[in-house]
Amino acid sequence: MRRLVSLAVLAAFCAPAAALDLPGDDSCLLAMRDELSRNRAGLRMENFPAPYFLSYDARSVRLLEITASLGAVIKNQSGCGLEMSGGLRVGSPAFDNSNFYGAVGGKPETEVGAQDCAYDNIRHNLWQLTDRAYKAAVEKLDQKRAFREKRSITSHLGDFSRAEPAVLLSTAPPQFPDRAAAAELAGRVSAVFGHYPLIEDSLVTMQFEYGLRRYLNSEGALYRGGGFSAVVSMAAGTQAPDGYKITQGRDFYYASTAALPGEAFFAAEAEKFAAEMSALAKSEIISPYIGPVLIEREAAGAFFYTLLARHLLRPRMWWNERGLDPHTGYFYGKLGMRVAAPFISVVDDPSLEQYAGADLAGHYEVDDEGVRARRVELVRKGKLVDLLMSRAPVKERAQSNGHGRGYYVFPEGTPGNLLVSASNALPEAQLKRKLLAMCGELELDYGIILRNVPDFYGTFTAWKVYVKDGREEPVHGAQFAEFTLRALRDIAFAGDKAHVYNYDFNAAAFSIAAPAVILQEAELKKTESQPDKLPYLANPYFEKAVR
C-alpha cells in the first residue's frame, strides 16, 4: 500500500475529512514557495557556501483502516496528517554533499505540519527543517572532501545532473467508502474463516488512503497531485501436524472506490484462501528435490521482485567511510550483458494506471526530484539495455529518466510499473502440462509448483504435482538449496498472461506485472528451522473440532 506519511503522523486522529480540502489559494504551497524564496536569497553560513539547490515536498494523507476477525471488527480508525521533507545541496552539481555516507545527513530532514495547512505553521516548520538540513549538508560536504583526499580520488562522475523541471498541477478528489458499510463488509468476509477449524489465526483488513502531494524546487519544478488507494488484505495462519507454522496472505489493490468488487468476490476469495490453508495444515514436510519448478500467482511476483526489481534499484554507487556502498543494485555496470532468459523483456512505465485489467500502485506523474516520469525499456531479449535513473549520474547514463524516488531516504533509481513479458509465451493453462512433460523426460515422479513465497531466501510452502495423474499435494518447510540471480537466466518457459503485484520500497509504491514462469532446474531442501509445539488445548472457537 502506498504510504505517504509515517505512522507517527497518523497516530493522532483528525477530525473532519474537509481538513484535507485545498483552500482556493493553497496556503501550503504558498508557504512553501515563500520560504524557498527566502532561503534562496539569504541562507548562508559564514565561511560556508550557500545552497545551490533546494526542494520541499509536502504530503498530506487521510487514512481509514478497518480490521476484522471471525466476524468481529477489532480495529476501526481513521487519521490524517501532513509531513514535509526537504532536499538541500551545497557545493556544485559536479561535487556536492550527496552520494556519500558520512557521520551526518544519513536521511532527509522531515517535519510534521499543520493538518489544515495553516500558512504560518507551514513556514515555521520549513524554516526549522531547512536550518537543520543546511547545517547537516555543509558538514557532510566537508566530510566528503576529506574522504576524497584520504582515498586520493582524482576522477568523479558528478553528483547532480540537469533536468527539465516539471510543472503540473492536478488534484484527484477524495473518495472514501461509507465507513459503517466498510466495517460490515470486513466483518462478514472475515466470518468465512470461521468455517475452517484448521485455521488458527485469521484477519481481514481494509485500508483506504487518499494522499495529496505538493512539490517545488529552486529550479522551477512545481507539482501538485492527489491519488486514492484501497487495499483489501487477508492473512491466515495454521500449523502442520509436525508443528511447523504456516502463515500466508492475499492482497487486492484498487485505485478507486468504484473499482472495488462486491462482497461476493471477496467472500469467494476468502473461501479459496481458507481451503488452501486448510490443505497446508495437513501437509507433510518437503523431501529434497532437484528438477523443474513452476512459479505462479503471488510467487511469480515475489520472484521478479527479489531477482529483478531489487537489483534495478540505486544504480549509483555511493562513497562511504568503509568503501563503496555494498547495497547498490547488482545490475550496476552490466549494461549490454545478459541478465535474463533470451526471450524475456522488461519495461518500466509509471504513466500507466492500469495493466492487464488491474490497477497499478506504481503510477506517478513526477518523481521525487521534480522530473516527469518516463517509460524506460530495461531488458530486451534478456539483455540489460537501460537503467532506472535518478539525477545522480553513472558512467553509462548522465541524465535522469524520471525514476528518482524516495521520501525517507534520498531519491534513487526506483521502479514505477515494472512490466515483464516473454516472446515465446505459452498459454497459461499449458504451463502445468509443460512442467509435467519436463519432469517425465527426467523420469521424475512429480514436479514442484510454488504459489505463495513471500521470501525466496526463507522458508515457504509448495505443491507437488504428480506426473502420472496431475494430482497435487501440498508440502511445507521448503527452502532453496541455492537461489541466485542465475535463476532469471534459467527461465525455460513463461505464460502469456501477466498478473499484477504491488510492493513498497522506502515509501515509494511500485507494481510488477509478470507471468508465471518455469525454471529449468532448481534444488529444494528441507528447512533447517525447528518446528513449534502444537497448542495443548483446541481453539475455543472450534471447541468441537478435532484436528
Protein backbone atom coordinates (compact mmCIF):
# COMPACT_ATOMS: atom_id res chain seq x y z
CA MET A 1 0.00 0.00 0.00
CA ARG A 2 1.20 3.49 -0.81
CA ARG A 3 2.44 5.15 2.38
CA LEU A 4 2.74 8.93 2.11
CA VAL A 5 3.49 9.78 5.74
CA SER A 6 4.84 7.88 8.71
CA LEU A 7 2.62 6.04 11.16
CA ALA A 8 3.68 8.54 13.78
CA VAL A 9 1.90 11.27 11.87
CA LEU A 10 -1.24 9.16 11.62
CA ALA A 11 -1.26 8.29 15.30
CA ALA A 12 -3.24 11.42 16.10
CA PHE A 13 -6.77 11.12 14.78
CA CYS A 14 -8.00 14.06 12.83
CA ALA A 15 -11.46 15.32 12.82
CA PRO A 16 -13.16 16.18 9.63
CA ALA A 17 -12.25 14.96 6.18
CA ALA A 18 -12.55 18.56 4.99
CA ALA A 19 -9.21 19.27 6.67
CA LEU A 20 -7.51 17.97 3.54
CA ASP A 21 -9.51 20.08 1.11
CA LEU A 22 -7.33 22.67 -0.63
CA PRO A 23 -8.12 26.32 0.06
CA GLY A 24 -8.59 28.44 -3.02
CA ASP A 25 -5.04 29.81 -2.87
CA ASP A 26 -3.43 26.62 -1.45
CA SER A 27 -1.82 28.08 1.66
CA CYS A 28 0.57 25.14 1.98
CA LEU A 29 2.02 25.59 -1.49
CA LEU A 30 2.17 29.34 -0.97
CA ALA A 31 4.10 28.91 2.29
CA MET A 32 6.49 26.51 0.58
CA ARG A 33 7.10 28.98 -2.24
CA ASP A 34 7.71 31.92 0.09
CA GLU A 35 10.06 30.04 2.40
CA LEU A 36 12.00 28.63 -0.56
CA SER A 37 12.39 32.13 -1.99
CA ARG A 38 13.59 33.48 1.37
CA ASN A 39 16.15 30.70 1.81
CA ARG A 40 17.47 31.05 -1.72
CA ALA A 41 18.11 34.74 -1.10
CA GLY A 42 19.55 34.69 2.41
CA LEU A 43 20.59 31.24 3.61
CA ARG A 44 24.36 31.18 4.04
CA MET A 45 26.63 30.50 6.98
CA GLU A 46 29.84 32.49 7.31
CA ASN A 47 32.74 30.75 5.53
CA PHE A 48 30.38 28.17 4.03
CA PRO A 49 28.72 28.01 0.60
CA ALA A 50 25.08 28.83 0.06
CA PRO A 51 22.78 26.07 -1.21
CA TYR A 52 22.72 25.73 -4.98
CA PHE A 53 19.57 23.56 -4.92
CA LEU A 54 16.61 23.42 -2.55
CA SER A 55 13.36 21.48 -2.72
CA TYR A 56 10.31 20.99 -0.50
CA ASP A 57 7.97 18.01 -0.60
CA ALA A 58 4.77 18.14 1.47
CA ARG A 59 2.48 15.12 1.66
CA SER A 60 -0.90 15.10 3.32
CA VAL A 61 -2.89 11.94 3.82
CA ARG A 62 -6.23 10.74 5.06
CA LEU A 63 -6.45 7.12 6.12
CA LEU A 64 -9.24 4.74 7.11
CA GLU A 65 -8.26 1.28 8.39
CA ILE A 66 -10.64 -1.49 9.41
CA THR A 67 -9.60 -4.95 10.63
CA ALA A 68 -11.92 -7.84 11.43
CA SER A 69 -11.51 -11.41 12.64
CA LEU A 70 -14.08 -14.22 12.72
CA GLY A 71 -16.92 -11.81 12.06
CA ALA A 72 -15.96 -9.18 14.63
CA VAL A 73 -14.41 -5.78 13.89
CA ILE A 74 -11.31 -5.35 16.06
CA LYS A 75 -9.97 -2.09 14.61
CA ASN A 76 -11.84 0.82 13.05
CA GLN A 77 -9.81 4.00 12.98
CA SER A 78 -9.14 6.98 10.77
CA GLY A 79 -6.39 9.52 10.77
CA CYS A 80 -4.86 12.30 8.77
CA GLY A 81 -1.66 14.25 8.79
CA LEU A 82 0.82 16.38 6.90
CA GLU A 83 4.55 15.76 6.69
CA MET A 84 7.23 17.73 4.87
CA SER A 85 10.74 16.87 3.75
CA GLY A 86 13.49 18.98 2.25
CA GLY A 87 16.26 18.37 -0.24
CA LEU A 88 19.24 20.71 0.06
CA ARG A 89 22.55 20.64 -1.82
CA VAL A 90 25.70 22.68 -1.24
CA GLY A 91 28.80 22.78 -3.40
CA SER A 92 28.08 22.33 -7.11
CA PRO A 93 26.45 19.73 -9.37
CA ALA A 94 29.96 18.45 -10.08
CA PHE A 95 30.67 17.80 -6.38
CA ASP A 96 28.19 18.27 -3.57
CA ASN A 97 27.07 16.72 -0.27
CA SER A 98 25.12 13.84 -1.88
CA ASN A 99 26.06 10.27 -2.83
CA PHE A 100 28.09 9.84 0.34
CA TYR A 101 27.53 8.00 3.62
CA GLY A 102 29.17 10.01 6.38
CA ALA A 103 28.61 10.59 10.08
CA VAL A 104 25.78 13.07 9.44
CA GLY A 105 22.97 13.52 6.96
CA GLY A 106 22.00 9.89 6.51
CA LYS A 107 18.35 10.73 5.76
CA PRO A 108 16.40 13.76 4.56
CA GLU A 109 15.10 16.14 7.19
CA THR A 110 11.36 15.92 7.88
CA GLU A 111 8.79 17.93 9.83
CA VAL A 112 5.18 17.33 10.82
CA GLY A 113 2.96 20.19 9.71
CA ALA A 114 -0.47 21.56 10.50
CA GLN A 115 -3.24 19.35 9.15
CA ASP A 116 -5.19 22.38 7.99
CA CYS A 117 -2.12 23.75 6.15
CA ALA A 118 -2.03 26.95 8.22
CA TYR A 119 0.37 29.30 6.41
CA ASP A 120 2.37 30.49 9.41
CA ASN A 121 2.73 26.99 10.83
CA ILE A 122 3.99 25.62 7.50
CA ARG A 123 6.58 28.37 7.15
CA HIS A 124 7.75 27.84 10.72
CA ASN A 125 8.18 24.11 10.09
CA LEU A 126 10.02 24.69 6.82
CA TRP A 127 12.32 27.23 8.48
CA GLN A 128 13.36 24.68 11.10
CA LEU A 129 13.65 21.86 8.57
CA THR A 130 15.81 23.93 6.23
CA ASP A 131 18.08 25.12 9.03
CA ARG A 132 18.81 21.53 10.10
CA ALA A 133 19.24 20.36 6.51
CA TYR A 134 21.71 23.17 5.72
CA LYS A 135 23.88 22.54 8.77
CA ALA A 136 23.98 18.81 8.02
CA ALA A 137 24.75 19.47 4.33
CA VAL A 138 27.79 21.69 4.91
CA GLU A 139 29.19 19.25 7.47
CA LYS A 140 28.64 16.35 5.12
CA LEU A 141 30.31 18.21 2.25
CA ASP A 142 33.41 18.72 4.40
CA GLN A 143 33.43 15.02 5.29
CA LYS A 144 33.13 14.06 1.64
CA ARG A 145 36.02 16.32 0.64
CA ALA A 146 38.18 14.79 3.37
CA PHE A 147 37.20 11.31 2.18
CA ARG A 148 38.20 12.18 -1.40
CA GLU A 149 41.59 13.43 -0.28
CA LYS A 150 42.19 10.47 2.02
CA ARG A 151 41.40 7.99 -0.76
CA SER A 152 43.27 10.05 -3.39
CA ILE A 153 40.24 10.01 -5.70
CA THR A 154 41.03 12.01 -8.83
CA SER A 155 38.03 11.25 -11.06
CA HIS A 156 34.36 11.76 -10.25
CA LEU A 157 31.16 11.32 -12.20
CA GLY A 158 29.48 14.41 -10.83
CA ASP A 159 26.64 14.35 -8.30
CA PHE A 160 23.61 16.03 -9.83
CA SER A 161 22.54 16.22 -13.44
CA ARG A 162 20.49 18.92 -15.10
CA ALA A 163 16.83 18.19 -15.78
CA GLU A 164 13.86 19.95 -17.30
CA PRO A 165 11.70 20.99 -14.32
CA ALA A 166 8.21 19.52 -14.41
CA VAL A 167 5.23 21.83 -13.92
CA LEU A 168 1.94 20.04 -13.31
CA LEU A 169 -1.00 20.96 -11.11
CA SER A 170 -3.83 18.48 -10.67
CA THR A 171 -5.95 17.20 -7.83
CA ALA A 172 -7.92 14.00 -7.67
CA PRO A 173 -10.92 14.46 -5.36
CA PRO A 174 -11.01 12.37 -2.16
CA GLN A 175 -13.22 9.32 -2.48
CA PHE A 176 -13.95 7.27 0.60
CA PRO A 177 -16.47 4.48 1.16
CA ASP A 178 -19.12 4.64 3.81
CA ARG A 179 -17.26 3.76 6.99
CA ALA A 180 -20.04 1.72 8.57
CA ALA A 181 -20.66 -0.23 5.37
CA ALA A 182 -16.94 -0.97 5.00
CA ALA A 183 -16.77 -2.25 8.58
CA GLU A 184 -19.76 -4.53 8.00
CA LEU A 185 -18.17 -5.88 4.82
CA ALA A 186 -14.86 -6.62 6.57
CA GLY A 187 -16.72 -8.40 9.35
CA ARG A 188 -18.77 -10.58 7.01
CA VAL A 189 -15.76 -11.56 4.89
CA SER A 190 -13.71 -12.39 7.99
CA ALA A 191 -16.51 -14.69 9.16
CA VAL A 192 -15.73 -17.03 6.25
CA PHE A 193 -12.64 -18.28 8.10
CA GLY A 194 -14.90 -19.38 10.95
CA HIS A 195 -15.90 -22.40 8.86
CA TYR A 196 -12.35 -23.77 8.73
CA PRO A 197 -11.26 -25.30 12.06
CA LEU A 198 -7.67 -25.92 10.98
CA ILE A 199 -7.00 -22.19 10.63
CA GLU A 200 -5.70 -20.87 13.95
CA ASP A 201 -5.49 -17.14 13.15
CA SER A 202 -7.14 -15.00 10.50
CA LEU A 203 -7.60 -11.31 9.74
CA VAL A 204 -9.28 -9.26 7.05
CA THR A 205 -8.03 -5.69 6.76
CA MET A 206 -9.38 -2.89 4.57
CA GLN A 207 -7.20 0.22 4.16
CA PHE A 208 -8.38 3.28 2.29
CA GLU A 209 -5.93 6.12 1.71
CA TYR A 210 -6.14 9.47 -0.03
CA GLY A 211 -2.90 11.37 -0.43
CA LEU A 212 -2.10 14.82 -1.80
CA ARG A 213 1.49 15.72 -2.68
CA ARG A 214 2.93 19.18 -3.21
CA TYR A 215 6.47 19.62 -4.52
CA LEU A 216 8.56 22.55 -5.66
CA ASN A 217 12.26 23.25 -6.08
CA SER A 218 14.62 26.12 -6.78
CA GLU A 219 14.86 25.18 -10.47
CA GLY A 220 11.19 25.91 -11.07
CA ALA A 221 9.67 22.45 -10.75
CA LEU A 222 6.13 22.63 -9.39
CA TYR A 223 3.81 19.71 -8.78
CA ARG A 224 0.53 19.13 -7.01
CA GLY A 225 -1.33 15.87 -7.42
CA GLY A 226 -3.51 13.51 -5.46
CA GLY A 227 -4.41 9.88 -5.54
CA PHE A 228 -6.50 7.23 -3.83
CA SER A 229 -5.79 3.61 -2.98
CA ALA A 230 -7.76 0.80 -1.43
CA VAL A 231 -6.14 -2.42 -0.25
CA VAL A 232 -8.08 -5.44 1.00
CA SER A 233 -5.78 -7.90 2.76
CA MET A 234 -6.43 -11.39 4.07
CA ALA A 235 -4.00 -13.13 6.39
CA ALA A 236 -4.21 -16.57 7.93
CA GLY A 237 -2.02 -18.85 9.99
CA THR A 238 -2.03 -22.53 10.88
CA GLN A 239 0.30 -25.31 11.98
CA ALA A 240 1.18 -28.50 10.16
CA PRO A 241 0.90 -31.81 12.07
CA ASP A 242 4.64 -31.67 12.86
CA GLY A 243 4.30 -28.21 14.41
CA TYR A 244 5.71 -26.00 11.66
CA LYS A 245 3.83 -22.71 11.49
CA ILE A 246 2.42 -21.65 8.14
CA THR A 247 1.38 -18.03 7.59
CA GLN A 248 0.23 -16.58 4.30
CA GLY A 249 -1.69 -13.62 2.94
CA ARG A 250 -3.57 -12.28 -0.04
CA ASP A 251 -3.72 -8.61 -1.10
CA PHE A 252 -6.11 -6.90 -3.50
CA TYR A 253 -5.28 -3.36 -4.70
CA TYR A 254 -7.66 -0.80 -6.23
CA ALA A 255 -7.17 2.81 -7.30
CA SER A 256 -10.76 3.93 -6.73
CA THR A 257 -13.77 3.02 -4.66
CA ALA A 258 -15.68 2.39 -7.90
CA ALA A 259 -13.22 -0.38 -8.78
CA LEU A 260 -13.87 -2.32 -5.57
CA PRO A 261 -15.73 -5.59 -6.24
CA GLY A 262 -18.71 -6.54 -4.17
CA GLU A 263 -18.95 -8.82 -1.17
CA ALA A 264 -19.44 -11.93 -3.30
CA PHE A 265 -15.96 -11.54 -4.81
CA PHE A 266 -14.14 -11.14 -1.50
CA ALA A 267 -16.14 -13.92 0.14
CA ALA A 268 -15.23 -16.28 -2.71
CA GLU A 269 -11.56 -15.31 -2.45
CA ALA A 270 -11.66 -15.89 1.30
CA GLU A 271 -13.16 -19.34 0.73
CA LYS A 272 -10.42 -20.28 -1.74
CA PHE A 273 -7.71 -18.96 0.56
CA ALA A 274 -9.13 -20.72 3.62
CA ALA A 275 -9.44 -24.02 1.74
CA GLU A 276 -5.83 -23.79 0.59
CA MET A 277 -4.62 -23.01 4.12
CA SER A 278 -6.61 -25.96 5.46
CA ALA A 279 -4.88 -28.24 2.95
CA LEU A 280 -1.49 -26.88 4.01
CA ALA A 281 -2.42 -27.59 7.64
CA LYS A 282 -2.45 -31.29 6.76
CA SER A 283 0.72 -31.22 4.70
CA GLU A 284 3.96 -33.10 5.18
CA ILE A 285 7.41 -31.57 5.15
CA ILE A 286 9.14 -31.44 1.78
CA SER A 287 11.68 -34.05 0.65
CA PRO A 288 14.86 -33.00 -1.19
CA TYR A 289 14.08 -32.19 -4.83
CA ILE A 290 16.08 -31.30 -7.94
CA GLY A 291 14.13 -30.59 -11.09
CA PRO A 292 11.84 -28.14 -12.92
CA VAL A 293 9.79 -25.70 -10.84
CA LEU A 294 6.67 -23.79 -11.89
CA ILE A 295 6.37 -20.38 -10.19
CA GLU A 296 2.92 -18.82 -10.40
CA ARG A 297 0.47 -16.48 -8.62
CA GLU A 298 1.97 -14.44 -5.76
CA ALA A 299 5.21 -16.40 -6.01
CA ALA A 300 5.78 -15.09 -9.56
CA GLY A 301 5.56 -11.51 -8.32
CA ALA A 302 7.94 -12.25 -5.45
CA PHE A 303 10.35 -13.96 -7.86
CA PHE A 304 10.68 -10.90 -10.07
CA TYR A 305 10.70 -8.58 -7.06
CA THR A 306 13.60 -10.47 -5.49
CA LEU A 307 15.73 -11.03 -8.58
CA LEU A 308 14.77 -8.15 -10.86
CA ALA A 309 13.25 -5.15 -9.09
CA ARG A 310 15.61 -5.12 -6.11
CA HIS A 311 18.66 -5.28 -8.39
CA LEU A 312 17.44 -2.43 -10.58
CA LEU A 313 17.42 -0.13 -7.55
CA ARG A 314 20.04 2.57 -6.98
CA PRO A 315 22.41 2.13 -9.94
CA ARG A 316 24.76 4.79 -8.49
CA MET A 317 27.39 3.60 -6.02
CA TRP A 318 27.81 5.89 -3.03
CA TRP A 319 31.05 6.56 -1.23
CA ASN A 320 31.14 5.78 2.46
CA GLU A 321 33.63 5.58 5.28
CA ARG A 322 34.10 1.84 4.70
CA GLY A 323 34.45 2.00 0.93
CA LEU A 324 31.87 1.64 -1.80
CA ASP A 325 28.22 1.12 -0.95
CA PRO A 326 27.57 -2.65 -0.94
CA HIS A 327 23.82 -2.18 -1.36
CA THR A 328 23.96 -0.89 -4.93
CA GLY A 329 21.84 -2.93 -7.33
CA TYR A 330 23.54 -5.94 -8.87
CA PHE A 331 22.81 -4.69 -12.39
CA TYR A 332 25.15 -1.72 -11.91
CA GLY A 333 27.85 -1.92 -14.57
CA LYS A 334 26.13 -4.68 -16.56
CA LEU A 335 24.58 -2.76 -19.46
CA GLY A 336 24.66 -4.87 -22.61
CA MET A 337 25.04 -8.12 -20.66
CA ARG A 338 22.52 -10.95 -20.47
CA VAL A 339 20.67 -10.85 -17.15
CA ALA A 340 17.60 -12.96 -18.02
CA ALA A 341 16.48 -15.70 -20.40
CA PRO A 342 16.80 -14.53 -24.04
CA PHE A 343 13.04 -14.37 -24.56
CA ILE A 344 12.38 -12.10 -21.53
CA SER A 345 11.85 -8.36 -21.95
CA VAL A 346 11.13 -5.72 -19.31
CA VAL A 347 9.95 -2.12 -19.43
CA ASP A 348 9.07 0.32 -16.68
CA ASP A 349 6.20 2.70 -17.42
CA PRO A 350 5.00 4.87 -14.49
CA SER A 351 2.45 6.63 -16.73
CA LEU A 352 0.18 3.57 -16.76
CA GLU A 353 -2.70 3.49 -14.30
CA GLN A 354 -3.91 0.03 -15.32
CA TYR A 355 -2.39 -3.06 -16.90
CA ALA A 356 -3.81 -6.50 -17.64
CA GLY A 357 -7.14 -5.33 -16.23
CA ALA A 358 -5.70 -4.40 -12.82
CA ASP A 359 -4.98 -1.07 -11.14
CA LEU A 360 -1.31 -0.21 -10.68
CA ALA A 361 0.03 1.19 -7.40
CA GLY A 362 3.23 2.31 -9.16
CA HIS A 363 1.61 5.04 -11.24
CA TYR A 364 3.08 8.51 -10.69
CA GLU A 365 3.46 11.66 -12.78
CA VAL A 366 6.51 13.42 -11.35
CA ASP A 367 9.35 11.78 -9.44
CA ASP A 368 10.79 12.98 -6.12
CA GLU A 369 13.40 15.17 -7.82
CA GLY A 370 10.92 17.20 -9.89
CA VAL A 371 11.36 15.21 -13.14
CA ARG A 372 8.47 13.89 -15.20
CA ALA A 373 8.12 10.11 -15.15
CA ARG A 374 9.15 8.35 -18.34
CA ARG A 375 8.80 4.93 -19.93
CA VAL A 376 12.11 3.05 -19.94
CA GLU A 377 12.98 -0.17 -21.77
CA LEU A 378 15.22 -2.05 -19.34
CA VAL A 379 15.66 -5.57 -20.68
CA ARG A 380 15.43 -6.54 -24.37
CA LYS A 381 15.65 -10.24 -25.26
CA GLY A 382 17.36 -10.96 -21.96
CA LYS A 383 19.97 -8.18 -22.21
CA LEU A 384 20.09 -5.17 -19.91
CA VAL A 385 19.73 -2.10 -22.14
CA ASP A 386 18.97 0.72 -19.67
CA LEU A 387 18.85 1.69 -16.01
CA LEU A 388 16.35 3.34 -13.68
CA MET A 389 17.95 6.74 -13.29
CA SER A 390 17.65 9.47 -10.71
CA ARG A 391 19.63 12.70 -11.14
CA ALA A 392 22.80 11.04 -9.81
CA PRO A 393 24.86 10.24 -12.94
CA VAL A 394 26.52 6.89 -13.60
CA LYS A 395 29.24 6.14 -16.14
CA GLU A 396 26.79 4.83 -18.73
CA ARG A 397 23.95 7.31 -18.16
CA ALA A 398 24.24 11.00 -17.30
CA GLN A 399 20.60 12.06 -17.13
CA SER A 400 17.54 11.17 -15.10
CA ASN A 401 14.71 9.27 -16.75
CA GLY A 402 12.18 10.23 -14.09
CA HIS A 403 12.79 7.39 -11.62
CA GLY A 404 14.43 9.29 -8.76
CA ARG A 405 12.19 8.26 -5.87
CA GLY A 406 12.48 8.31 -2.09
CA TYR A 407 10.93 10.25 0.77
CA TYR A 408 12.51 8.93 3.96
CA VAL A 409 15.72 8.28 2.00
CA PHE A 410 17.39 10.45 -0.61
CA PRO A 411 15.91 9.81 -4.06
CA GLU A 412 17.48 6.98 -6.04
CA GLY A 413 16.58 4.91 -9.09
CA THR A 414 13.40 3.01 -8.17
CA PRO A 415 10.77 1.17 -10.27
CA GLY A 416 7.31 2.51 -11.02
CA ASN A 417 5.39 -0.08 -13.05
CA LEU A 418 7.72 -2.94 -13.98
CA LEU A 419 6.22 -4.95 -16.87
CA VAL A 420 7.70 -8.37 -17.70
CA SER A 421 6.86 -10.18 -20.95
CA ALA A 422 8.08 -13.21 -22.89
CA SER A 423 8.35 -13.60 -26.67
CA ASN A 424 7.82 -17.38 -26.53
CA ALA A 425 4.92 -17.26 -24.09
CA LEU A 426 2.77 -20.34 -23.63
CA PRO A 427 -0.95 -20.19 -22.85
CA GLU A 428 -1.09 -20.07 -19.08
CA ALA A 429 -3.22 -23.22 -18.93
CA GLN A 430 -0.46 -25.21 -20.63
CA LEU A 431 2.29 -24.42 -18.10
CA LYS A 432 1.36 -27.22 -15.73
CA ARG A 433 1.31 -29.71 -18.60
CA LYS A 434 4.70 -28.43 -19.75
CA LEU A 435 6.06 -28.88 -16.22
CA LEU A 436 4.83 -32.49 -16.12
CA ALA A 437 6.30 -33.19 -19.55
CA MET A 438 9.69 -31.85 -18.43
CA CYS A 439 9.54 -33.98 -15.26
CA GLY A 440 8.58 -37.05 -17.33
CA GLU A 441 11.61 -36.61 -19.56
CA LEU A 442 13.78 -36.57 -16.44
CA GLU A 443 11.97 -39.65 -15.08
CA LEU A 444 10.77 -37.75 -12.01
CA ASP A 445 7.63 -38.86 -10.18
CA TYR A 446 6.49 -35.29 -9.58
CA GLY A 447 7.29 -31.64 -10.17
CA ILE A 448 7.04 -28.64 -7.85
CA ILE A 449 4.70 -25.64 -8.06
CA LEU A 450 5.31 -22.51 -5.98
CA ARG A 451 2.27 -20.29 -5.40
CA ASN A 452 2.92 -18.20 -2.32
CA VAL A 453 6.55 -17.43 -1.49
CA PRO A 454 6.94 -14.19 0.46
CA ASP A 455 10.70 -14.68 0.78
CA PHE A 456 12.72 -16.73 -1.71
CA TYR A 457 15.62 -16.79 0.73
CA GLY A 458 13.46 -18.09 3.57
CA THR A 459 11.07 -20.97 4.24
CA PHE A 460 7.93 -21.46 2.17
CA THR A 461 5.20 -23.90 1.14
CA ALA A 462 4.97 -25.72 -2.18
CA TRP A 463 2.79 -28.14 -4.12
CA LYS A 464 3.92 -31.48 -5.51
CA VAL A 465 2.19 -32.31 -8.80
CA TYR A 466 2.44 -35.94 -9.88
CA VAL A 467 3.41 -36.83 -13.43
CA LYS A 468 1.14 -39.89 -13.56
CA ASP A 469 -2.21 -38.19 -12.96
CA GLY A 470 -1.61 -34.46 -12.30
CA ARG A 471 -2.69 -34.82 -8.68
CA GLU A 472 -1.47 -32.05 -6.39
CA GLU A 473 -0.24 -32.45 -2.83
CA PRO A 474 0.87 -29.60 -0.53
CA VAL A 475 4.17 -29.65 1.35
CA HIS A 476 5.75 -27.21 3.78
CA GLY A 477 9.15 -26.32 5.20
CA ALA A 478 10.81 -25.83 1.81
CA GLN A 479 13.94 -23.80 1.12
CA PHE A 480 16.14 -23.30 -1.90
CA ALA A 481 19.49 -25.01 -1.52
CA GLU A 482 20.82 -22.19 -3.67
CA PHE A 483 18.97 -19.20 -5.02
CA THR A 484 20.90 -16.70 -7.12
CA LEU A 485 20.38 -14.29 -9.99
CA ARG A 486 21.15 -17.15 -12.33
CA ALA A 487 17.51 -18.20 -11.87
CA LEU A 488 16.48 -15.30 -14.16
CA ARG A 489 18.64 -16.81 -16.91
CA ASP A 490 17.34 -20.32 -16.16
CA ILE A 491 13.71 -19.50 -17.03
CA ALA A 492 12.67 -22.15 -19.54
CA PHE A 493 9.09 -21.05 -20.26
CA ALA A 494 6.75 -18.21 -19.36
CA GLY A 495 2.99 -17.77 -19.50
CA ASP A 496 1.10 -15.43 -21.78
CA LYS A 497 -0.89 -13.72 -19.03
CA ALA A 498 0.56 -11.03 -16.78
CA HIS A 499 -0.62 -10.71 -13.18
CA VAL A 500 -0.13 -7.53 -11.17
CA TYR A 501 1.54 -7.44 -7.76
CA ASN A 502 2.13 -4.32 -5.66
CA TYR A 503 5.07 -3.52 -3.42
CA ASP A 504 6.58 -0.66 -1.46
CA PHE A 505 10.22 0.42 -1.16
CA ASN A 506 11.20 3.35 1.06
CA ALA A 507 7.69 4.86 0.86
CA ALA A 508 7.69 4.52 -2.96
CA ALA A 509 4.93 2.22 -4.17
CA PHE A 510 5.61 0.24 -7.31
CA SER A 511 3.95 -2.55 -9.27
CA ILE A 512 5.23 -5.65 -11.01
CA ALA A 513 3.19 -7.18 -13.83
CA ALA A 514 4.65 -10.60 -14.58
CA PRO A 515 3.64 -14.01 -15.97
CA ALA A 516 4.11 -17.40 -14.35
CA VAL A 517 7.45 -19.00 -15.25
CA ILE A 518 9.07 -22.43 -15.26
CA LEU A 519 12.67 -22.75 -14.09
CA GLN A 520 14.66 -25.36 -15.96
CA GLU A 521 16.07 -26.70 -12.71
CA ALA A 522 16.07 -25.77 -9.04
CA GLU A 523 17.12 -27.56 -5.88
CA LEU A 524 14.83 -27.54 -2.85
CA LYS A 525 15.64 -28.85 0.60
CA LYS A 526 14.02 -29.22 4.00
CA THR A 527 14.20 -26.14 6.19
CA GLU A 528 16.79 -26.04 8.93
CA SER A 529 14.48 -24.14 11.32
CA GLN A 530 12.80 -26.03 14.12
CA PRO A 531 9.02 -26.52 14.49
CA ASP A 532 6.93 -25.20 17.35
CA LYS A 533 4.82 -27.27 19.69
CA LEU A 534 1.18 -27.70 18.81
CA PRO A 535 -1.39 -26.00 21.09
CA TYR A 536 -2.25 -28.05 24.18
CA LEU A 537 -5.92 -27.01 24.00
CA ALA A 538 -8.16 -26.69 21.00
CA ASN A 539 -9.16 -23.27 19.70
CA PRO A 540 -12.29 -22.37 21.73
CA TYR A 541 -13.98 -21.09 18.59
CA PHE A 542 -13.79 -24.66 17.23
CA GLU A 543 -14.12 -26.49 20.53
CA LYS A 544 -15.90 -29.44 18.96
CA ALA A 545 -13.48 -29.73 16.06
CA VAL A 546 -10.86 -32.45 16.12
CA ARG A 547 -7.56 -31.93 14.36
